[in-house]
Amino acid sequence: MVQAAELFNTYGYHVASMEDIAAAVGVAKPTLYHYFKSKSDILYAIHDEFIDLIIAEHDARVAAQPHLPADQCLLGIMQDILHLMRTHRGHVRVFFECHRSLRVDQQLAIRAKRDAYAGTVIRLLEQGNTEGKFSCDPEIVTLALFGICNWAYQWYDASGELSTADLAEEFWQILLRGIAAAPGASTVVTMRFPGTLTRPGP
């Protein structure tokens, strides 16, 4: 999937051909058609792999640290998204720019996973509200969180000095200052990830 995603990223989904993909992967064109009946199926596989990677990172973190506070879970989610912009740049661009080229049934399948993932963020924000750490509209802040992270692929330079973990921390602090509970309502969290800021999970 990495080679196909990079081809779509470089040349565009509509320009890159099955022949181009087969050559990039190093297989004969008939062999590629044995696994994928159409270019749309490859596009769907890229979308599915990307959303599954993000979901798996969160699930692994929660399994390893079941009592991790909501704020740290949210920072971890932001780190996951931004980290994949460095390790799977082709996937990221394809995911955000080519979803309308999927068949309707494929769009619905991916949307269901995206909605489930967004639901995770909403629940974490609701948990933070209940604990008095946040004072926010969970649905609006979820949209803001994804908006601020997802657009970064347009300008983030992986060769620059700012790591994706540092960028996630910057984004988190911007969000946190906007959703912290009013003074006196409860303890306001100004959180930094424990230890040095490294991406959780593998």
N, C-alpha and C. Protein backbone atom coordinates (compact mmCIF):
# COMPACT_ATOMS: atom_id res chain seq x y z
N MET A 1 0.81 -1.21 0.00
CA MET A 1 0.00 0.00 0.00
C MET A 1 0.86 1.27 0.00
N VAL A 2 2.05 1.17 0.58
CA VAL A 2 2.90 2.36 0.68
C VAL A 2 3.27 2.86 -0.71
N GLN A 3 3.66 1.93 -1.60
CA GLN A 3 4.06 2.35 -2.95
C GLN A 3 2.89 2.97 -3.71
N ALA A 4 1.73 2.37 -3.60
CA ALA A 4 0.55 2.91 -4.29
C ALA A 4 0.18 4.28 -3.73
N ALA A 5 0.24 4.42 -2.41
CA ALA A 5 -0.09 5.70 -1.79
C ALA A 5 0.88 6.79 -2.24
N GLU A 6 2.16 6.44 -2.34
CA GLU A 6 3.15 7.43 -2.79
C GLU A 6 2.93 7.82 -4.24
N LEU A 7 2.53 6.85 -5.07
CA LEU A 7 2.23 7.17 -6.46
C LEU A 7 1.04 8.13 -6.56
N PHE A 8 -0.01 7.82 -5.81
CA PHE A 8 -1.19 8.70 -5.82
C PHE A 8 -0.83 10.08 -5.28
N ASN A 9 0.05 10.11 -4.29
CA ASN A 9 0.48 11.38 -3.70
C ASN A 9 1.28 12.20 -4.70
N THR A 10 2.13 11.53 -5.46
CA THR A 10 3.03 12.23 -6.39
C THR A 10 2.34 12.64 -7.69
N TYR A 11 1.59 11.69 -8.27
CA TYR A 11 1.03 11.93 -9.60
C TYR A 11 -0.48 12.19 -9.59
N GLY A 12 -1.12 11.88 -8.48
CA GLY A 12 -2.57 12.02 -8.42
C GLY A 12 -3.25 10.69 -8.68
N TYR A 13 -4.37 10.49 -8.03
CA TYR A 13 -5.08 9.22 -8.15
C TYR A 13 -5.52 8.95 -9.58
N HIS A 14 -6.00 9.96 -10.28
CA HIS A 14 -6.55 9.76 -11.61
C HIS A 14 -5.46 9.60 -12.67
N VAL A 15 -4.25 10.01 -12.37
CA VAL A 15 -3.15 9.89 -13.34
C VAL A 15 -2.42 8.56 -13.18
N ALA A 16 -2.12 8.17 -11.96
CA ALA A 16 -1.41 6.91 -11.72
C ALA A 16 -2.27 5.74 -12.20
N SER A 17 -1.66 4.81 -12.89
CA SER A 17 -2.38 3.68 -13.46
C SER A 17 -2.06 2.39 -12.72
N MET A 18 -2.85 1.36 -12.98
CA MET A 18 -2.57 0.05 -12.41
C MET A 18 -1.20 -0.45 -12.87
N GLU A 19 -0.84 -0.13 -14.09
CA GLU A 19 0.48 -0.51 -14.61
C GLU A 19 1.58 0.18 -13.81
N ASP A 20 1.39 1.45 -13.49
CA ASP A 20 2.37 2.18 -12.68
C ASP A 20 2.51 1.55 -11.29
N ILE A 21 1.38 1.19 -10.71
CA ILE A 21 1.39 0.59 -9.37
C ILE A 21 2.10 -0.75 -9.40
N ALA A 22 1.79 -1.57 -10.41
CA ALA A 22 2.43 -2.88 -10.52
C ALA A 22 3.94 -2.73 -10.65
N ALA A 23 4.39 -1.76 -11.44
CA ALA A 23 5.82 -1.53 -11.61
C ALA A 23 6.47 -1.08 -10.31
N ALA A 24 5.78 -0.21 -9.57
CA ALA A 24 6.33 0.29 -8.30
C ALA A 24 6.43 -0.82 -7.26
N VAL A 25 5.46 -1.72 -7.27
CA VAL A 25 5.46 -2.82 -6.30
C VAL A 25 6.41 -3.93 -6.73
N GLY A 26 6.66 -4.02 -8.04
CA GLY A 26 7.54 -5.05 -8.56
C GLY A 26 6.84 -6.35 -8.88
N VAL A 27 5.59 -6.25 -9.33
CA VAL A 27 4.84 -7.44 -9.72
C VAL A 27 4.27 -7.21 -11.12
N ALA A 28 3.87 -8.30 -11.76
CA ALA A 28 3.25 -8.19 -13.06
C ALA A 28 1.84 -7.62 -12.91
N LYS A 29 1.37 -6.94 -13.93
CA LYS A 29 0.05 -6.33 -13.87
C LYS A 29 -1.05 -7.35 -13.60
N PRO A 30 -1.02 -8.54 -14.25
CA PRO A 30 -2.05 -9.55 -13.94
C PRO A 30 -2.03 -9.98 -12.48
N THR A 31 -0.83 -10.02 -11.89
CA THR A 31 -0.73 -10.39 -10.47
C THR A 31 -1.41 -9.35 -9.60
N LEU A 32 -1.22 -8.09 -9.92
CA LEU A 32 -1.87 -7.02 -9.16
C LEU A 32 -3.39 -7.13 -9.26
N TYR A 33 -3.88 -7.44 -10.45
CA TYR A 33 -5.32 -7.59 -10.63
C TYR A 33 -5.87 -8.81 -9.90
N HIS A 34 -5.01 -9.76 -9.61
CA HIS A 34 -5.45 -10.93 -8.84
C HIS A 34 -5.85 -10.51 -7.43
N TYR A 35 -5.15 -9.53 -6.88
CA TYR A 35 -5.41 -9.08 -5.51
C TYR A 35 -6.38 -7.89 -5.46
N PHE A 36 -6.34 -7.06 -6.47
CA PHE A 36 -7.21 -5.88 -6.51
C PHE A 36 -7.89 -5.81 -7.87
N LYS A 37 -9.20 -5.83 -7.86
CA LYS A 37 -9.95 -5.87 -9.11
C LYS A 37 -9.95 -4.52 -9.83
N SER A 38 -9.71 -3.46 -9.09
CA SER A 38 -9.72 -2.13 -9.70
C SER A 38 -8.84 -1.18 -8.90
N LYS A 39 -8.55 -0.04 -9.50
CA LYS A 39 -7.77 0.99 -8.80
C LYS A 39 -8.54 1.52 -7.60
N SER A 40 -9.85 1.54 -7.70
CA SER A 40 -10.68 1.98 -6.58
C SER A 40 -10.50 1.07 -5.37
N ASP A 41 -10.30 -0.22 -5.62
CA ASP A 41 -10.08 -1.15 -4.51
C ASP A 41 -8.76 -0.86 -3.80
N ILE A 42 -7.76 -0.46 -4.56
CA ILE A 42 -6.47 -0.08 -3.96
C ILE A 42 -6.64 1.20 -3.14
N LEU A 43 -7.37 2.14 -3.70
CA LEU A 43 -7.63 3.38 -2.97
C LEU A 43 -8.35 3.11 -1.66
N TYR A 44 -9.31 2.22 -1.71
CA TYR A 44 -10.04 1.85 -0.49
C TYR A 44 -9.11 1.19 0.52
N ALA A 45 -8.23 0.31 0.04
CA ALA A 45 -7.30 -0.38 0.94
C ALA A 45 -6.38 0.61 1.65
N ILE A 46 -5.96 1.66 0.93
CA ILE A 46 -5.12 2.70 1.54
C ILE A 46 -5.89 3.43 2.63
N HIS A 47 -7.12 3.82 2.32
CA HIS A 47 -7.96 4.50 3.32
C HIS A 47 -8.17 3.61 4.55
N ASP A 48 -8.48 2.36 4.29
CA ASP A 48 -8.78 1.44 5.39
C ASP A 48 -7.55 1.20 6.25
N GLU A 49 -6.40 1.04 5.61
CA GLU A 49 -5.17 0.81 6.35
C GLU A 49 -4.83 2.02 7.22
N PHE A 50 -5.03 3.21 6.69
CA PHE A 50 -4.70 4.42 7.43
C PHE A 50 -5.56 4.58 8.68
N ILE A 51 -6.87 4.47 8.52
CA ILE A 51 -7.76 4.65 9.67
C ILE A 51 -7.54 3.53 10.69
N ASP A 52 -7.25 2.32 10.21
CA ASP A 52 -6.98 1.22 11.13
C ASP A 52 -5.70 1.46 11.93
N LEU A 53 -4.69 2.05 11.29
CA LEU A 53 -3.44 2.36 12.00
C LEU A 53 -3.69 3.33 13.15
N ILE A 54 -4.47 4.37 12.89
CA ILE A 54 -4.75 5.36 13.93
C ILE A 54 -5.55 4.74 15.07
N ILE A 55 -6.56 3.97 14.72
CA ILE A 55 -7.38 3.33 15.75
C ILE A 55 -6.54 2.36 16.58
N ALA A 56 -5.67 1.60 15.92
CA ALA A 56 -4.84 0.62 16.61
C ALA A 56 -3.88 1.28 17.60
N GLU A 57 -3.35 2.46 17.24
CA GLU A 57 -2.44 3.16 18.14
C GLU A 57 -3.16 3.54 19.44
N HIS A 58 -4.36 4.06 19.30
CA HIS A 58 -5.12 4.45 20.49
C HIS A 58 -5.49 3.23 21.32
N ASP A 59 -5.95 2.18 20.66
CA ASP A 59 -6.35 0.97 21.39
C ASP A 59 -5.17 0.36 22.15
N ALA A 60 -3.99 0.38 21.52
CA ALA A 60 -2.80 -0.17 22.18
C ALA A 60 -2.41 0.65 23.40
N ARG A 61 -2.53 1.96 23.27
CA ARG A 61 -2.18 2.84 24.40
C ARG A 61 -3.13 2.60 25.58
N VAL A 62 -4.42 2.49 25.29
CA VAL A 62 -5.41 2.27 26.34
C VAL A 62 -5.22 0.90 26.98
N ALA A 63 -4.87 -0.11 26.16
CA ALA A 63 -4.65 -1.45 26.70
C ALA A 63 -3.44 -1.47 27.62
N ALA A 64 -2.40 -0.71 27.26
CA ALA A 64 -1.18 -0.68 28.06
C ALA A 64 -1.34 0.18 29.31
N GLN A 65 -2.17 1.22 29.20
CA GLN A 65 -2.38 2.15 30.33
C GLN A 65 -3.88 2.41 30.49
N PRO A 66 -4.60 1.45 31.03
CA PRO A 66 -6.06 1.56 31.09
C PRO A 66 -6.58 2.72 31.92
N HIS A 67 -5.75 3.25 32.80
CA HIS A 67 -6.19 4.36 33.65
C HIS A 67 -5.59 5.70 33.21
N LEU A 68 -5.12 5.76 31.99
CA LEU A 68 -4.54 7.00 31.48
C LEU A 68 -5.61 8.09 31.47
N PRO A 69 -5.32 9.26 32.05
CA PRO A 69 -6.33 10.34 32.10
C PRO A 69 -6.77 10.78 30.71
N ALA A 70 -7.94 11.36 30.66
CA ALA A 70 -8.51 11.79 29.38
C ALA A 70 -7.60 12.77 28.65
N ASP A 71 -6.98 13.70 29.38
CA ASP A 71 -6.15 14.70 28.72
C ASP A 71 -4.93 14.06 28.05
N GLN A 72 -4.33 13.06 28.70
CA GLN A 72 -3.18 12.40 28.11
C GLN A 72 -3.59 11.52 26.94
N CYS A 73 -4.77 10.93 27.01
CA CYS A 73 -5.30 10.17 25.87
C CYS A 73 -5.48 11.07 24.66
N LEU A 74 -5.99 12.27 24.89
CA LEU A 74 -6.22 13.20 23.79
C LEU A 74 -4.90 13.66 23.18
N LEU A 75 -3.92 13.94 24.02
CA LEU A 75 -2.61 14.31 23.49
C LEU A 75 -2.03 13.15 22.68
N GLY A 76 -2.20 11.93 23.18
CA GLY A 76 -1.73 10.76 22.45
C GLY A 76 -2.37 10.64 21.09
N ILE A 77 -3.66 10.89 21.01
CA ILE A 77 -4.37 10.84 19.73
C ILE A 77 -3.80 11.87 18.76
N MET A 78 -3.53 13.07 19.24
CA MET A 78 -2.95 14.10 18.38
C MET A 78 -1.55 13.69 17.92
N GLN A 79 -0.79 13.09 18.81
CA GLN A 79 0.54 12.60 18.43
C GLN A 79 0.44 11.52 17.36
N ASP A 80 -0.54 10.63 17.50
CA ASP A 80 -0.71 9.55 16.52
C ASP A 80 -0.96 10.12 15.12
N ILE A 81 -1.89 11.06 15.04
CA ILE A 81 -2.25 11.64 13.74
C ILE A 81 -1.04 12.32 13.10
N LEU A 82 -0.35 13.12 13.89
CA LEU A 82 0.78 13.88 13.35
C LEU A 82 1.96 12.98 13.03
N HIS A 83 2.16 11.93 13.82
CA HIS A 83 3.27 11.01 13.54
C HIS A 83 3.07 10.32 12.20
N LEU A 84 1.84 9.94 11.90
CA LEU A 84 1.57 9.28 10.62
C LEU A 84 1.78 10.22 9.44
N MET A 85 1.75 11.51 9.68
CA MET A 85 2.05 12.44 8.60
C MET A 85 3.52 12.38 8.21
N ARG A 86 4.34 11.89 9.12
CA ARG A 86 5.77 11.72 8.81
C ARG A 86 6.05 10.33 8.26
N THR A 87 5.42 9.31 8.84
CA THR A 87 5.73 7.93 8.44
C THR A 87 4.90 7.44 7.26
N HIS A 88 3.71 8.01 7.06
CA HIS A 88 2.81 7.56 5.98
C HIS A 88 2.25 8.78 5.24
N ARG A 89 3.13 9.60 4.74
CA ARG A 89 2.69 10.86 4.13
C ARG A 89 1.76 10.61 2.94
N GLY A 90 2.09 9.61 2.13
CA GLY A 90 1.23 9.30 1.00
C GLY A 90 -0.16 8.90 1.43
N HIS A 91 -0.24 8.06 2.46
CA HIS A 91 -1.54 7.66 3.00
C HIS A 91 -2.36 8.88 3.44
N VAL A 92 -1.68 9.78 4.12
CA VAL A 92 -2.37 10.95 4.68
C VAL A 92 -3.00 11.80 3.58
N ARG A 93 -2.22 12.11 2.56
CA ARG A 93 -2.75 12.95 1.48
C ARG A 93 -3.89 12.25 0.75
N VAL A 94 -3.71 10.97 0.49
CA VAL A 94 -4.77 10.20 -0.18
C VAL A 94 -6.03 10.18 0.67
N PHE A 95 -5.87 9.98 1.98
CA PHE A 95 -7.02 9.89 2.89
C PHE A 95 -7.83 11.18 2.89
N PHE A 96 -7.14 12.30 2.91
CA PHE A 96 -7.83 13.58 3.03
C PHE A 96 -8.27 14.17 1.69
N GLU A 97 -7.64 13.75 0.60
CA GLU A 97 -7.93 14.40 -0.68
C GLU A 97 -8.63 13.51 -1.70
N CYS A 98 -8.61 12.20 -1.51
CA CYS A 98 -9.14 11.31 -2.55
C CYS A 98 -10.36 10.51 -2.11
N HIS A 99 -10.94 10.83 -0.97
CA HIS A 99 -12.04 10.01 -0.47
C HIS A 99 -13.27 10.07 -1.38
N ARG A 100 -13.42 11.16 -2.11
CA ARG A 100 -14.58 11.27 -3.00
C ARG A 100 -14.44 10.37 -4.23
N SER A 101 -13.25 9.85 -4.47
CA SER A 101 -13.05 8.94 -5.60
C SER A 101 -13.39 7.50 -5.24
N LEU A 102 -13.67 7.24 -3.97
CA LEU A 102 -14.11 5.91 -3.56
C LEU A 102 -15.53 5.66 -4.04
N ARG A 103 -15.87 4.38 -4.23
CA ARG A 103 -17.26 4.04 -4.49
C ARG A 103 -18.10 4.40 -3.27
N VAL A 104 -19.39 4.57 -3.47
CA VAL A 104 -20.27 4.99 -2.37
C VAL A 104 -20.20 4.01 -1.21
N ASP A 105 -20.22 2.71 -1.50
CA ASP A 105 -20.17 1.72 -0.42
C ASP A 105 -18.86 1.80 0.34
N GLN A 106 -17.78 2.09 -0.38
CA GLN A 106 -16.47 2.23 0.27
C GLN A 106 -16.43 3.50 1.12
N GLN A 107 -17.00 4.58 0.62
CA GLN A 107 -17.06 5.81 1.41
C GLN A 107 -17.81 5.59 2.71
N LEU A 108 -18.90 4.87 2.64
CA LEU A 108 -19.71 4.62 3.84
C LEU A 108 -18.94 3.79 4.86
N ALA A 109 -18.18 2.80 4.38
CA ALA A 109 -17.41 1.95 5.29
C ALA A 109 -16.32 2.75 6.00
N ILE A 110 -15.63 3.61 5.26
CA ILE A 110 -14.59 4.44 5.87
C ILE A 110 -15.20 5.47 6.80
N ARG A 111 -16.31 6.04 6.40
CA ARG A 111 -16.97 7.05 7.23
C ARG A 111 -17.40 6.45 8.57
N ALA A 112 -17.84 5.20 8.55
CA ALA A 112 -18.25 4.55 9.80
C ALA A 112 -17.07 4.45 10.76
N LYS A 113 -15.89 4.13 10.24
CA LYS A 113 -14.71 4.04 11.10
C LYS A 113 -14.27 5.42 11.57
N ARG A 114 -14.36 6.40 10.69
CA ARG A 114 -14.00 7.77 11.08
C ARG A 114 -14.94 8.28 12.17
N ASP A 115 -16.21 8.00 12.01
CA ASP A 115 -17.19 8.45 13.01
C ASP A 115 -16.96 7.77 14.35
N ALA A 116 -16.60 6.47 14.31
CA ALA A 116 -16.32 5.75 15.55
C ALA A 116 -15.11 6.34 16.26
N TYR A 117 -14.08 6.70 15.48
CA TYR A 117 -12.88 7.30 16.05
C TYR A 117 -13.19 8.68 16.63
N ALA A 118 -13.98 9.46 15.91
CA ALA A 118 -14.40 10.76 16.43
C ALA A 118 -15.20 10.60 17.71
N GLY A 119 -16.00 9.53 17.77
CA GLY A 119 -16.77 9.25 18.99
C GLY A 119 -15.87 9.02 20.19
N THR A 120 -14.72 8.40 19.95
CA THR A 120 -13.75 8.20 21.03
C THR A 120 -13.28 9.53 21.59
N VAL A 121 -12.98 10.47 20.71
CA VAL A 121 -12.52 11.79 21.14
C VAL A 121 -13.63 12.52 21.90
N ILE A 122 -14.84 12.43 21.39
CA ILE A 122 -15.98 13.07 22.07
C ILE A 122 -16.14 12.53 23.48
N ARG A 123 -16.05 11.22 23.63
CA ARG A 123 -16.21 10.61 24.96
C ARG A 123 -15.09 11.03 25.91
N LEU A 124 -13.88 11.17 25.41
CA LEU A 124 -12.78 11.62 26.26
C LEU A 124 -13.00 13.06 26.72
N LEU A 125 -13.51 13.89 25.84
CA LEU A 125 -13.82 15.28 26.22
C LEU A 125 -14.97 15.33 27.22
N GLU A 126 -15.96 14.47 27.03
CA GLU A 126 -17.07 14.39 27.99
C GLU A 126 -16.55 13.94 29.35
N GLN A 127 -15.61 12.99 29.34
CA GLN A 127 -15.01 12.53 30.59
C GLN A 127 -14.27 13.68 31.28
N GLY A 128 -13.52 14.46 30.49
CA GLY A 128 -12.82 15.61 31.06
C GLY A 128 -13.77 16.64 31.63
N ASN A 129 -14.90 16.84 30.96
CA ASN A 129 -15.92 17.76 31.49
C ASN A 129 -16.43 17.27 32.84
N THR A 130 -16.73 15.98 32.91
CA THR A 130 -17.25 15.38 34.15
C THR A 130 -16.26 15.52 35.29
N GLU A 131 -14.97 15.37 34.96
CA GLU A 131 -13.92 15.44 35.98
C GLU A 131 -13.58 16.89 36.35
N GLY A 132 -14.15 17.85 35.63
CA GLY A 132 -13.86 19.25 35.92
C GLY A 132 -12.58 19.77 35.29
N LYS A 133 -11.96 18.97 34.43
CA LYS A 133 -10.73 19.40 33.78
C LYS A 133 -11.02 20.31 32.58
N PHE A 134 -12.13 20.05 31.92
CA PHE A 134 -12.51 20.83 30.75
C PHE A 134 -13.86 21.50 30.98
N SER A 135 -14.13 22.50 30.18
CA SER A 135 -15.45 23.10 30.12
C SER A 135 -15.69 23.44 28.66
N CYS A 136 -16.28 22.50 27.92
CA CYS A 136 -16.35 22.66 26.48
C CYS A 136 -17.53 21.91 25.89
N ASP A 137 -17.82 22.21 24.63
CA ASP A 137 -18.77 21.43 23.83
C ASP A 137 -17.95 20.33 23.16
N PRO A 138 -18.09 19.07 23.58
CA PRO A 138 -17.24 18.00 23.06
C PRO A 138 -17.26 17.85 21.55
N GLU A 139 -18.42 18.02 20.93
CA GLU A 139 -18.50 17.84 19.48
C GLU A 139 -17.75 18.95 18.74
N ILE A 140 -17.89 20.18 19.20
CA ILE A 140 -17.19 21.30 18.56
C ILE A 140 -15.68 21.16 18.74
N VAL A 141 -15.25 20.81 19.95
CA VAL A 141 -13.82 20.68 20.21
C VAL A 141 -13.24 19.50 19.44
N THR A 142 -14.01 18.44 19.25
CA THR A 142 -13.55 17.31 18.44
C THR A 142 -13.28 17.77 17.01
N LEU A 143 -14.19 18.55 16.45
CA LEU A 143 -13.98 19.08 15.11
C LEU A 143 -12.74 19.97 15.06
N ALA A 144 -12.54 20.78 16.11
CA ALA A 144 -11.37 21.66 16.17
C ALA A 144 -10.09 20.84 16.26
N LEU A 145 -10.11 19.79 17.09
CA LEU A 145 -8.92 18.95 17.26
C LEU A 145 -8.52 18.32 15.94
N PHE A 146 -9.48 17.72 15.25
CA PHE A 146 -9.16 17.10 13.96
C PHE A 146 -8.77 18.14 12.92
N GLY A 147 -9.44 19.29 12.97
CA GLY A 147 -9.11 20.33 12.01
C GLY A 147 -7.69 20.82 12.15
N ILE A 148 -7.26 21.07 13.37
CA ILE A 148 -5.92 21.60 13.60
C ILE A 148 -4.84 20.57 13.28
N CYS A 149 -5.13 19.29 13.55
CA CYS A 149 -4.15 18.24 13.26
C CYS A 149 -4.15 17.84 11.78
N ASN A 150 -5.33 17.66 11.23
CA ASN A 150 -5.43 17.12 9.87
C ASN A 150 -4.86 18.06 8.82
N TRP A 151 -4.95 19.35 9.05
CA TRP A 151 -4.47 20.30 8.05
C TRP A 151 -2.95 20.42 8.05
N ALA A 152 -2.31 19.92 9.09
CA ALA A 152 -0.86 20.09 9.21
C ALA A 152 -0.09 19.42 8.08
N TYR A 153 -0.67 18.40 7.45
CA TYR A 153 0.05 17.72 6.37
C TYR A 153 0.33 18.67 5.20
N GLN A 154 -0.42 19.77 5.12
CA GLN A 154 -0.23 20.73 4.04
C GLN A 154 1.06 21.54 4.21
N TRP A 155 1.53 21.65 5.44
CA TRP A 155 2.68 22.52 5.65
C TRP A 155 3.78 21.92 6.51
N TYR A 156 3.51 20.82 7.20
CA TYR A 156 4.53 20.27 8.11
C TYR A 156 5.72 19.73 7.32
N ASP A 157 6.92 20.13 7.74
CA ASP A 157 8.17 19.69 7.11
C ASP A 157 8.87 18.72 8.05
N ALA A 158 8.87 17.45 7.68
CA ALA A 158 9.45 16.42 8.55
C ALA A 158 10.95 16.59 8.72
N SER A 159 11.59 17.32 7.82
CA SER A 159 13.04 17.53 7.92
C SER A 159 13.39 18.73 8.80
N GLY A 160 12.38 19.44 9.27
CA GLY A 160 12.62 20.61 10.11
C GLY A 160 12.95 20.25 11.54
N GLU A 161 13.12 21.27 12.37
CA GLU A 161 13.53 21.07 13.75
C GLU A 161 12.37 20.61 14.65
N LEU A 162 11.14 20.91 14.26
CA LEU A 162 9.99 20.59 15.10
C LEU A 162 9.53 19.16 14.87
N SER A 163 9.60 18.33 15.90
CA SER A 163 9.14 16.95 15.78
C SER A 163 7.61 16.91 15.82
N THR A 164 7.05 15.81 15.38
CA THR A 164 5.59 15.68 15.43
C THR A 164 5.10 15.65 16.87
N ALA A 165 5.90 15.12 17.78
CA ALA A 165 5.52 15.11 19.20
C ALA A 165 5.48 16.53 19.75
N ASP A 166 6.47 17.34 19.38
CA ASP A 166 6.49 18.74 19.81
C ASP A 166 5.30 19.51 19.23
N LEU A 167 5.00 19.21 17.97
CA LEU A 167 3.88 19.88 17.32
C LEU A 167 2.56 19.51 18.00
N ALA A 168 2.43 18.23 18.36
CA ALA A 168 1.23 17.79 19.07
C ALA A 168 1.09 18.53 20.39
N GLU A 169 2.20 18.71 21.10
CA GLU A 169 2.17 19.44 22.36
C GLU A 169 1.73 20.89 22.16
N GLU A 170 2.26 21.52 21.11
CA GLU A 170 1.87 22.90 20.81
C GLU A 170 0.37 22.98 20.52
N PHE A 171 -0.11 22.08 19.69
CA PHE A 171 -1.53 22.07 19.35
C PHE A 171 -2.39 21.81 20.59
N TRP A 172 -1.91 20.88 21.43
CA TRP A 172 -2.68 20.55 22.63
C TRP A 172 -2.79 21.75 23.56
N GLN A 173 -1.70 22.47 23.74
CA GLN A 173 -1.74 23.63 24.62
C GLN A 173 -2.67 24.71 24.07
N ILE A 174 -2.71 24.86 22.74
CA ILE A 174 -3.65 25.81 22.14
C ILE A 174 -5.08 25.41 22.45
N LEU A 175 -5.38 24.13 22.29
CA LEU A 175 -6.72 23.64 22.60
C LEU A 175 -7.03 23.76 24.08
N LEU A 176 -6.07 23.40 24.91
CA LEU A 176 -6.29 23.36 26.35
C LEU A 176 -6.63 24.73 26.90
N ARG A 177 -5.93 25.75 26.44
CA ARG A 177 -6.21 27.09 26.95
C ARG A 177 -7.60 27.56 26.57
N GLY A 178 -8.14 26.95 25.51
CA GLY A 178 -9.47 27.33 25.07
C GLY A 178 -10.58 26.54 25.73
N ILE A 179 -10.25 25.39 26.36
CA ILE A 179 -11.30 24.54 26.93
C ILE A 179 -11.13 24.32 28.43
N ALA A 180 -10.14 24.96 29.04
CA ALA A 180 -9.95 24.80 30.48
C ALA A 180 -11.15 25.36 31.23
N ALA A 181 -11.50 24.70 32.33
CA ALA A 181 -12.63 25.16 33.14
C ALA A 181 -12.33 26.54 33.72
N ALA A 182 -13.38 27.31 34.00
CA ALA A 182 -13.22 28.65 34.55
C ALA A 182 -12.54 28.58 35.91
N PRO A 183 -11.74 29.59 36.28
CA PRO A 183 -11.06 29.60 37.58
C PRO A 183 -12.06 29.41 38.72
N GLY A 184 -11.71 28.52 39.62
CA GLY A 184 -12.57 28.27 40.76
C GLY A 184 -13.55 27.14 40.55
N ALA A 185 -13.78 26.77 39.27
CA ALA A 185 -14.72 25.68 39.00
C ALA A 185 -14.11 24.34 39.39
N SER A 186 -12.83 24.20 39.14
CA SER A 186 -12.13 22.96 39.47
C SER A 186 -10.67 23.20 39.18
N THR A 187 -9.88 22.18 39.36
CA THR A 187 -8.46 22.28 39.04
C THR A 187 -8.29 22.32 37.53
N VAL A 188 -7.57 23.30 37.05
CA VAL A 188 -7.32 23.40 35.62
C VAL A 188 -6.02 22.68 35.31
N VAL A 189 -6.07 21.80 34.34
CA VAL A 189 -4.90 21.01 33.98
C VAL A 189 -4.08 21.74 32.93
N THR A 190 -2.81 21.97 33.21
CA THR A 190 -1.88 22.41 32.19
C THR A 190 -0.85 21.30 32.10
N MET A 191 -1.13 20.36 31.21
CA MET A 191 -0.46 19.07 31.21
C MET A 191 0.66 19.01 30.19
N ARG A 192 1.72 18.35 30.57
CA ARG A 192 2.76 17.94 29.64
C ARG A 192 2.86 16.43 29.71
N PHE A 193 3.14 15.82 28.59
CA PHE A 193 3.23 14.37 28.57
C PHE A 193 4.38 13.94 29.46
N PRO A 194 4.22 12.87 30.25
CA PRO A 194 5.25 12.45 31.19
C PRO A 194 6.58 12.22 30.50
N GLY A 195 7.65 12.70 31.11
CA GLY A 195 8.98 12.48 30.57
C GLY A 195 9.19 13.29 29.30
N THR A 196 10.13 12.84 28.48
CA THR A 196 10.36 13.51 27.22
C THR A 196 9.21 13.21 26.28
N LEU A 197 8.91 14.16 25.42
CA LEU A 197 7.77 13.99 24.52
C LEU A 197 8.13 13.04 23.39
N THR A 198 7.77 11.81 23.55
CA THR A 198 7.96 10.83 22.50
C THR A 198 6.63 10.22 22.17
N ARG A 199 6.49 9.74 20.97
CA ARG A 199 5.23 9.19 20.52
C ARG A 199 4.92 7.92 21.27
N PRO A 200 3.72 7.80 21.87
CA PRO A 200 3.36 6.57 22.58
C PRO A 200 3.20 5.42 21.61
N GLY A 201 3.51 4.24 22.08
CA GLY A 201 3.35 3.06 21.24
C GLY A 201 4.54 2.87 20.32
N PRO A 202 4.47 1.86 19.47
CA PRO A 202 5.59 1.54 18.58
C PRO A 202 5.80 2.59 17.51
